[in-house]
Structures are given as C-alpha cells and as structure tokens.
C-alpha cells in the first residue's frame, strides 16, 4: 500500500468541488484497498497537526502531503 503522504497527495489532487478531505481520502483508500484503521490513523495525524498549528484539516493535509 502507498504511504500516508502519497495517499493524502492523491486525495488532494482528486478533491471534488465542495468535497471534504475526509471524504476524498476515504475514496482514495478504498481504491487502494485500505482499511478503516488506515483512514483513522491518517486523519488522526491530520487532525493533530490542524489542532496544533491552528489550521483547517485541508491545510494540514496539504502540509503533510508536501512534507
């Protein structure tokens, strides 16, 4: 399976108008056979960064994907 960073980058690139990063990531994970546990782990990291840096989840996902 691909790394969390790669999955987030693909979800950001595949983000549809009005869609949340959570939904886009879920779709990308299903495409690659990821599990709900993978989703929870990745989104937990995104939310932790968002809270720590006072960012939106979308901005936090962008930072992680670029790191």
PDB file of N, CA and C in Angstrom:
ATOM      1  N   UNK A   1       0.846  -1.185   0.000  1.00  0.00           N
ATOM      2  CA  UNK A   1       0.000   0.000   0.000  1.00  0.00           C
ATOM      3  C   UNK A   1       0.884   1.238   0.000  1.00  0.00           C
ATOM      4  N   UNK A   2       0.341   2.315  -0.488  1.00  0.00           N
ATOM      5  CA  UNK A   2       1.077   3.570  -0.592  1.00  0.00           C
ATOM      6  C   UNK A   2       1.205   4.235   0.777  1.00  0.00           C
ATOM      7  N   UNK A   3       2.148   5.169   0.875  1.00  0.00           N
ATOM      8  CA  UNK A   3       2.370   5.868   2.143  1.00  0.00           C
ATOM      9  C   UNK A   3       1.231   6.853   2.407  1.00  0.00           C
ATOM     10  N   UNK A   4       1.094   7.235   3.666  1.00  0.00           N
ATOM     11  CA  UNK A   4       0.054   8.201   4.049  1.00  0.00           C
ATOM     12  C   UNK A   4       0.238   9.502   3.277  1.00  0.00           C
ATOM     13  N   UNK A   5       1.470   9.910   3.122  1.00  0.00           N
ATOM     14  CA  UNK A   5       1.761  11.160   2.391  1.00  0.00           C
ATOM     15  C   UNK A   5       1.291  11.059   0.941  1.00  0.00           C
ATOM     16  N   UNK A   6       1.574   9.940   0.288  1.00  0.00           N
ATOM     17  CA  UNK A   6       1.139   9.740  -1.095  1.00  0.00           C
ATOM     18  C   UNK A   6      -0.384   9.692  -1.204  1.00  0.00           C
ATOM     19  N   UNK A   7      -1.017   9.020  -0.256  1.00  0.00           N
ATOM     20  CA  UNK A   7      -2.473   8.918  -0.276  1.00  0.00           C
ATOM     21  C   UNK A   7      -3.116  10.292  -0.085  1.00  0.00           C
ATOM     22  N   UNK A   8      -2.572  11.091   0.838  1.00  0.00           N
ATOM     23  CA  UNK A   8      -3.098  12.440   1.045  1.00  0.00           C
ATOM     24  C   UNK A   8      -2.884  13.301  -0.191  1.00  0.00           C
ATOM     25  N   UNK A   9      -1.720  13.194  -0.811  1.00  0.00           N
ATOM     26  CA  UNK A   9      -1.441  13.975  -2.015  1.00  0.00           C
ATOM     27  C   UNK A   9      -2.431  13.611  -3.122  1.00  0.00           C
ATOM     28  N   UNK A  10      -2.702  12.334  -3.288  1.00  0.00           N
ATOM     29  CA  UNK A  10      -3.659  11.918  -4.311  1.00  0.00           C
ATOM     30  C   UNK A  10      -5.070  12.385  -3.970  1.00  0.00           C
ATOM     31  N   UNK A  11      -5.442  12.304  -2.701  1.00  0.00           N
ATOM     32  CA  UNK A  11      -6.767  12.777  -2.286  1.00  0.00           C
ATOM     33  C   UNK A  11      -6.909  14.275  -2.543  1.00  0.00           C
ATOM     34  N   UNK A  12      -5.859  15.029  -2.273  1.00  0.00           N
ATOM     35  CA  UNK A  12      -5.905  16.467  -2.528  1.00  0.00           C
ATOM     36  C   UNK A  12      -6.019  16.756  -4.022  1.00  0.00           C
ATOM     37  N   UNK A  13      -5.319  15.992  -4.831  1.00  0.00           N
ATOM     38  CA  UNK A  13      -5.390  16.173  -6.265  1.00  0.00           C
ATOM     39  C   UNK A  13      -6.719  15.751  -6.863  1.00  0.00           C
ATOM     40  N   UNK A  14      -7.410  14.851  -6.190  1.00  0.00           N
ATOM     41  CA  UNK A  14      -8.665  14.293  -6.685  1.00  0.00           C
ATOM     42  C   UNK A  14      -9.881  14.918  -5.987  1.00  0.00           C
ATOM     43  N   UNK A  15      -9.636  15.938  -5.187  1.00  0.00           N
ATOM     44  CA  UNK A  15     -10.695  16.595  -4.420  1.00  0.00           C
ATOM     45  C   UNK A  15     -11.726  17.203  -5.369  1.00  0.00           C
ATOM     46  N   UNK A  16     -12.980  16.871  -5.161  1.00  0.00           N
ATOM     47  CA  UNK A  16     -14.049  17.407  -5.997  1.00  0.00           C
ATOM     48  C   UNK A  16     -14.642  18.652  -5.354  1.00  0.00           C
ATOM     49  N   UNK A  17     -15.261  19.480  -6.151  1.00  0.00           N
ATOM     50  CA  UNK A  17     -15.825  20.738  -5.663  1.00  0.00           C
ATOM     51  C   UNK A  17     -16.790  20.487  -4.497  1.00  0.00           C
ATOM     52  N   UNK A  18     -16.541  21.173  -3.397  1.00  0.00           N
ATOM     53  CA  UNK A  18     -17.408  21.057  -2.233  1.00  0.00           C
ATOM     54  C   UNK A  18     -17.173  19.820  -1.389  1.00  0.00           C
ATOM     55  N   UNK A  19     -16.181  19.017  -1.728  1.00  0.00           N
ATOM     56  CA  UNK A  19     -15.916  17.770  -1.002  1.00  0.00           C
ATOM     57  C   UNK A  19     -14.911  18.009   0.120  1.00  0.00           C
ATOM     58  N   UNK A  20     -15.064  17.293   1.205  1.00  0.00           N
ATOM     59  CA  UNK A  20     -14.116  17.402   2.311  1.00  0.00           C
ATOM     60  C   UNK A  20     -12.919  16.494   2.058  1.00  0.00           C
ATOM     61  N   UNK A  21     -11.810  16.808   2.704  1.00  0.00           N
ATOM     62  CA  UNK A  21     -10.614  15.967   2.582  1.00  0.00           C
ATOM     63  C   UNK A  21     -10.896  14.581   3.159  1.00  0.00           C
ATOM     64  N   UNK A  22     -11.742  14.510   4.173  1.00  0.00           N
ATOM     65  CA  UNK A  22     -12.083  13.220   4.770  1.00  0.00           C
ATOM     66  C   UNK A  22     -12.733  12.294   3.742  1.00  0.00           C
ATOM     67  N   UNK A  23     -13.666  12.835   3.005  1.00  0.00           N
ATOM     68  CA  UNK A  23     -14.372  12.014   2.001  1.00  0.00           C
ATOM     69  C   UNK A  23     -13.434  11.625   0.853  1.00  0.00           C
ATOM     70  N   UNK A  24     -12.622  12.581   0.407  1.00  0.00           N
ATOM     71  CA  UNK A  24     -11.682  12.287  -0.684  1.00  0.00           C
ATOM     72  C   UNK A  24     -10.677  11.219  -0.259  1.00  0.00           C
ATOM     73  N   UNK A  25     -10.151  11.332   0.957  1.00  0.00           N
ATOM     74  CA  UNK A  25      -9.198  10.333   1.447  1.00  0.00           C
ATOM     75  C   UNK A  25      -9.865   8.969   1.551  1.00  0.00           C
ATOM     76  N   UNK A  26     -11.082   8.931   2.030  1.00  0.00           N
ATOM     77  CA  UNK A  26     -11.810   7.670   2.139  1.00  0.00           C
ATOM     78  C   UNK A  26     -11.944   7.010   0.769  1.00  0.00           C
ATOM     79  N   UNK A  27     -12.279   7.787  -0.248  1.00  0.00           N
ATOM     80  CA  UNK A  27     -12.417   7.253  -1.608  1.00  0.00           C
ATOM     81  C   UNK A  27     -11.090   6.705  -2.124  1.00  0.00           C
ATOM     82  N   UNK A  28     -10.011   7.439  -1.898  1.00  0.00           N
ATOM     83  CA  UNK A  28      -8.688   7.012  -2.358  1.00  0.00           C
ATOM     84  C   UNK A  28      -8.266   5.739  -1.621  1.00  0.00           C
ATOM     85  N   UNK A  29      -8.504   5.676  -0.327  1.00  0.00           N
ATOM     86  CA  UNK A  29      -8.161   4.471   0.437  1.00  0.00           C
ATOM     87  C   UNK A  29      -8.915   3.249  -0.074  1.00  0.00           C
ATOM     88  N   UNK A  30     -10.195   3.413  -0.364  1.00  0.00           N
ATOM     89  CA  UNK A  30     -10.979   2.283  -0.897  1.00  0.00           C
ATOM     90  C   UNK A  30     -10.413   1.833  -2.237  1.00  0.00           C
ATOM     91  N   UNK A  31      -9.984   2.792  -3.036  1.00  0.00           N
ATOM     92  CA  UNK A  31      -9.412   2.474  -4.356  1.00  0.00           C
ATOM     93  C   UNK A  31      -8.196   1.565  -4.224  1.00  0.00           C
ATOM     94  N   UNK A  32      -7.395   1.792  -3.176  1.00  0.00           N
ATOM     95  CA  UNK A  32      -6.166   1.014  -2.992  1.00  0.00           C
ATOM     96  C   UNK A  32      -6.304  -0.110  -1.967  1.00  0.00           C
ATOM     97  N   UNK A  33      -7.501  -0.386  -1.538  1.00  0.00           N
ATOM     98  CA  UNK A  33      -7.723  -1.496  -0.619  1.00  0.00           C
ATOM     99  C   UNK A  33      -7.350  -1.181   0.817  1.00  0.00           C
ATOM    100  N   UNK A  34      -7.342   0.095   1.166  1.00  0.00           N
ATOM    101  CA  UNK A  34      -7.039   0.484   2.541  1.00  0.00           C
ATOM    102  C   UNK A  34      -8.172   0.132   3.479  1.00  0.00           C
ATOM    103  N   UNK A  35      -7.881   0.173   4.755  1.00  0.00           N
ATOM    104  CA  UNK A  35      -8.874  -0.181   5.766  1.00  0.00           C
ATOM    105  C   UNK A  35      -9.351   1.057   6.516  1.00  0.00           C
ATOM    106  N   UNK A  36     -10.404   0.872   7.281  1.00  0.00           N
ATOM    107  CA  UNK A  36     -10.903   1.953   8.119  1.00  0.00           C
ATOM    108  C   UNK A  36      -9.837   2.374   9.133  1.00  0.00           C
ATOM    109  N   UNK A  37      -9.070   1.420   9.609  1.00  0.00           N
ATOM    110  CA  UNK A  37      -7.991   1.721  10.557  1.00  0.00           C
ATOM    111  C   UNK A  37      -6.946   2.633   9.914  1.00  0.00           C
ATOM    112  N   UNK A  38      -6.644   2.404   8.630  1.00  0.00           N
ATOM    113  CA  UNK A  38      -5.723   3.285   7.902  1.00  0.00           C
ATOM    114  C   UNK A  38      -6.285   4.709   7.849  1.00  0.00           C
ATOM    115  N   UNK A  39      -7.568   4.791   7.533  1.00  0.00           N
ATOM    116  CA  UNK A  39      -8.241   6.090   7.462  1.00  0.00           C
ATOM    117  C   UNK A  39      -8.169   6.820   8.808  1.00  0.00           C
ATOM    118  N   UNK A  40      -8.491   6.114   9.874  1.00  0.00           N
ATOM    119  CA  UNK A  40      -8.488   6.721  11.212  1.00  0.00           C
ATOM    120  C   UNK A  40      -7.083   7.193  11.589  1.00  0.00           C
ATOM    121  N   UNK A  41      -6.084   6.388  11.268  1.00  0.00           N
ATOM    122  CA  UNK A  41      -4.696   6.759  11.582  1.00  0.00           C
ATOM    123  C   UNK A  41      -4.267   8.011  10.818  1.00  0.00           C
ATOM    124  N   UNK A  42      -4.528   8.034   9.521  1.00  0.00           N
ATOM    125  CA  UNK A  42      -4.111   9.175   8.703  1.00  0.00           C
ATOM    126  C   UNK A  42      -4.869  10.434   9.110  1.00  0.00           C
ATOM    127  N   UNK A  43      -6.182  10.329   9.260  1.00  0.00           N
ATOM    128  CA  UNK A  43      -6.963  11.514   9.633  1.00  0.00           C
ATOM    129  C   UNK A  43      -6.636  11.956  11.055  1.00  0.00           C
ATOM    130  N   UNK A  44      -6.257  11.034  11.918  1.00  0.00           N
ATOM    131  CA  UNK A  44      -5.813  11.413  13.259  1.00  0.00           C
ATOM    132  C   UNK A  44      -4.569  12.283  13.188  1.00  0.00           C
ATOM    133  N   UNK A  45      -3.626  11.906  12.328  1.00  0.00           N
ATOM    134  CA  UNK A  45      -2.419  12.711  12.142  1.00  0.00           C
ATOM    135  C   UNK A  45      -2.765  14.088  11.578  1.00  0.00           C
ATOM    136  N   UNK A  46      -3.677  14.120  10.612  1.00  0.00           N
ATOM    137  CA  UNK A  46      -4.090  15.394  10.005  1.00  0.00           C
ATOM    138  C   UNK A  46      -4.751  16.281  11.057  1.00  0.00           C
ATOM    139  N   UNK A  47      -5.649  15.707  11.834  1.00  0.00           N
ATOM    140  CA  UNK A  47      -6.357  16.499  12.846  1.00  0.00           C
ATOM    141  C   UNK A  47      -5.422  16.964  13.965  1.00  0.00           C
ATOM    142  N   UNK A  48      -4.465  16.127  14.333  1.00  0.00           N
ATOM    143  CA  UNK A  48      -3.485  16.532  15.343  1.00  0.00           C
ATOM    144  C   UNK A  48      -2.698  17.747  14.875  1.00  0.00           C
ATOM    145  N   UNK A  49      -2.221  17.719  13.629  1.00  0.00           N
ATOM    146  CA  UNK A  49      -1.483  18.851  13.087  1.00  0.00           C
ATOM    147  C   UNK A  49      -2.381  20.082  12.978  1.00  0.00           C
ATOM    148  N   UNK A  50      -3.617  19.889  12.544  1.00  0.00           N
ATOM    149  CA  UNK A  50      -4.553  21.002  12.414  1.00  0.00           C
ATOM    150  C   UNK A  50      -4.785  21.682  13.754  1.00  0.00           C
ATOM    151  N   UNK A  51      -4.946  20.898  14.787  1.00  0.00           N
ATOM    152  CA  UNK A  51      -5.167  21.456  16.120  1.00  0.00           C
ATOM    153  C   UNK A  51      -3.916  22.156  16.635  1.00  0.00           C
ATOM    154  N   UNK A  52      -2.783  21.498  16.479  1.00  0.00           N
ATOM    155  CA  UNK A  52      -1.517  22.037  16.974  1.00  0.00           C
ATOM    156  C   UNK A  52      -1.148  23.352  16.296  1.00  0.00           C
ATOM    157  N   UNK A  53      -1.335  23.427  14.985  1.00  0.00           N
ATOM    158  CA  UNK A  53      -0.939  24.607  14.211  1.00  0.00           C
ATOM    159  C   UNK A  53      -2.099  25.566  13.941  1.00  0.00           C
ATOM    160  N   UNK A  54      -3.295  25.252  14.467  1.00  0.00           N
ATOM    161  CA  UNK A  54      -4.496  26.059  14.258  1.00  0.00           C
ATOM    162  C   UNK A  54      -4.792  26.230  12.763  1.00  0.00           C
ATOM    163  N   UNK A  55      -4.858  25.099  12.066  1.00  0.00           N
ATOM    164  CA  UNK A  55      -5.133  25.054  10.637  1.00  0.00           C
ATOM    165  C   UNK A  55      -6.443  24.327  10.392  1.00  0.00           C
ATOM    166  N   UNK A  56      -6.964  24.458   9.190  1.00  0.00           N
ATOM    167  CA  UNK A  56      -8.096  23.619   8.799  1.00  0.00           C
ATOM    168  C   UNK A  56      -7.544  22.226   8.476  1.00  0.00           C
ATOM    169  N   UNK A  57      -8.425  21.245   8.413  1.00  0.00           N
ATOM    170  CA  UNK A  57      -7.960  19.900   8.072  1.00  0.00           C
ATOM    171  C   UNK A  57      -7.407  19.864   6.650  1.00  0.00           C
ATOM    172  N   UNK A  58      -7.971  20.668   5.773  1.00  0.00           N
ATOM    173  CA  UNK A  58      -7.477  20.720   4.394  1.00  0.00           C
ATOM    174  C   UNK A  58      -6.054  21.288   4.343  1.00  0.00           C
ATOM    175  N   UNK A  59      -5.808  22.360   5.079  1.00  0.00           N
ATOM    176  CA  UNK A  59      -4.461  22.945   5.117  1.00  0.00           C
ATOM    177  C   UNK A  59      -3.460  21.996   5.761  1.00  0.00           C
ATOM    178  N   UNK A  60      -3.883  21.315   6.814  1.00  0.00           N
ATOM    179  CA  UNK A  60      -2.999  20.349   7.481  1.00  0.00           C
ATOM    180  C   UNK A  60      -2.669  19.186   6.547  1.00  0.00           C
ATOM    181  N   UNK A  61      -3.650  18.709   5.798  1.00  0.00           N
ATOM    182  CA  UNK A  61      -3.402  17.626   4.844  1.00  0.00           C
ATOM    183  C   UNK A  61      -2.407  18.076   3.775  1.00  0.00           C
ATOM    184  N   UNK A  62      -2.525  19.305   3.322  1.00  0.00           N
ATOM    185  CA  UNK A  62      -1.580  19.842   2.328  1.00  0.00           C
ATOM    186  C   UNK A  62      -0.163  19.868   2.898  1.00  0.00           C
ATOM    187  N   UNK A  63      -0.029  20.284   4.131  1.00  0.00           N
ATOM    188  CA  UNK A  63       1.315  20.324   4.748  1.00  0.00           C
ATOM    189  C   UNK A  63       1.924  18.937   4.860  1.00  0.00           C
ATOM    190  N   UNK A  64       1.136  17.979   5.283  1.00  0.00           N
ATOM    191  CA  UNK A  64       1.630  16.611   5.425  1.00  0.00           C
ATOM    192  C   UNK A  64       2.016  16.053   4.047  1.00  0.00           C
ATOM    193  N   UNK A  65       1.187  16.311   3.051  1.00  0.00           N
ATOM    194  CA  UNK A  65       1.456  15.791   1.707  1.00  0.00           C
ATOM    195  C   UNK A  65       2.725  16.399   1.124  1.00  0.00           C
ATOM    196  N   UNK A  66       3.053  17.629   1.495  1.00  0.00           N
ATOM    197  CA  UNK A  66       4.241  18.297   0.973  1.00  0.00           C
ATOM    198  C   UNK A  66       5.488  17.971   1.756  1.00  0.00           C
ATOM    199  N   UNK A  67       5.345  17.449   2.952  1.00  0.00           N
ATOM    200  CA  UNK A  67       6.498  17.186   3.817  1.00  0.00           C
ATOM    201  C   UNK A  67       7.409  16.106   3.275  1.00  0.00           C
TER     202      UNK A  67
END
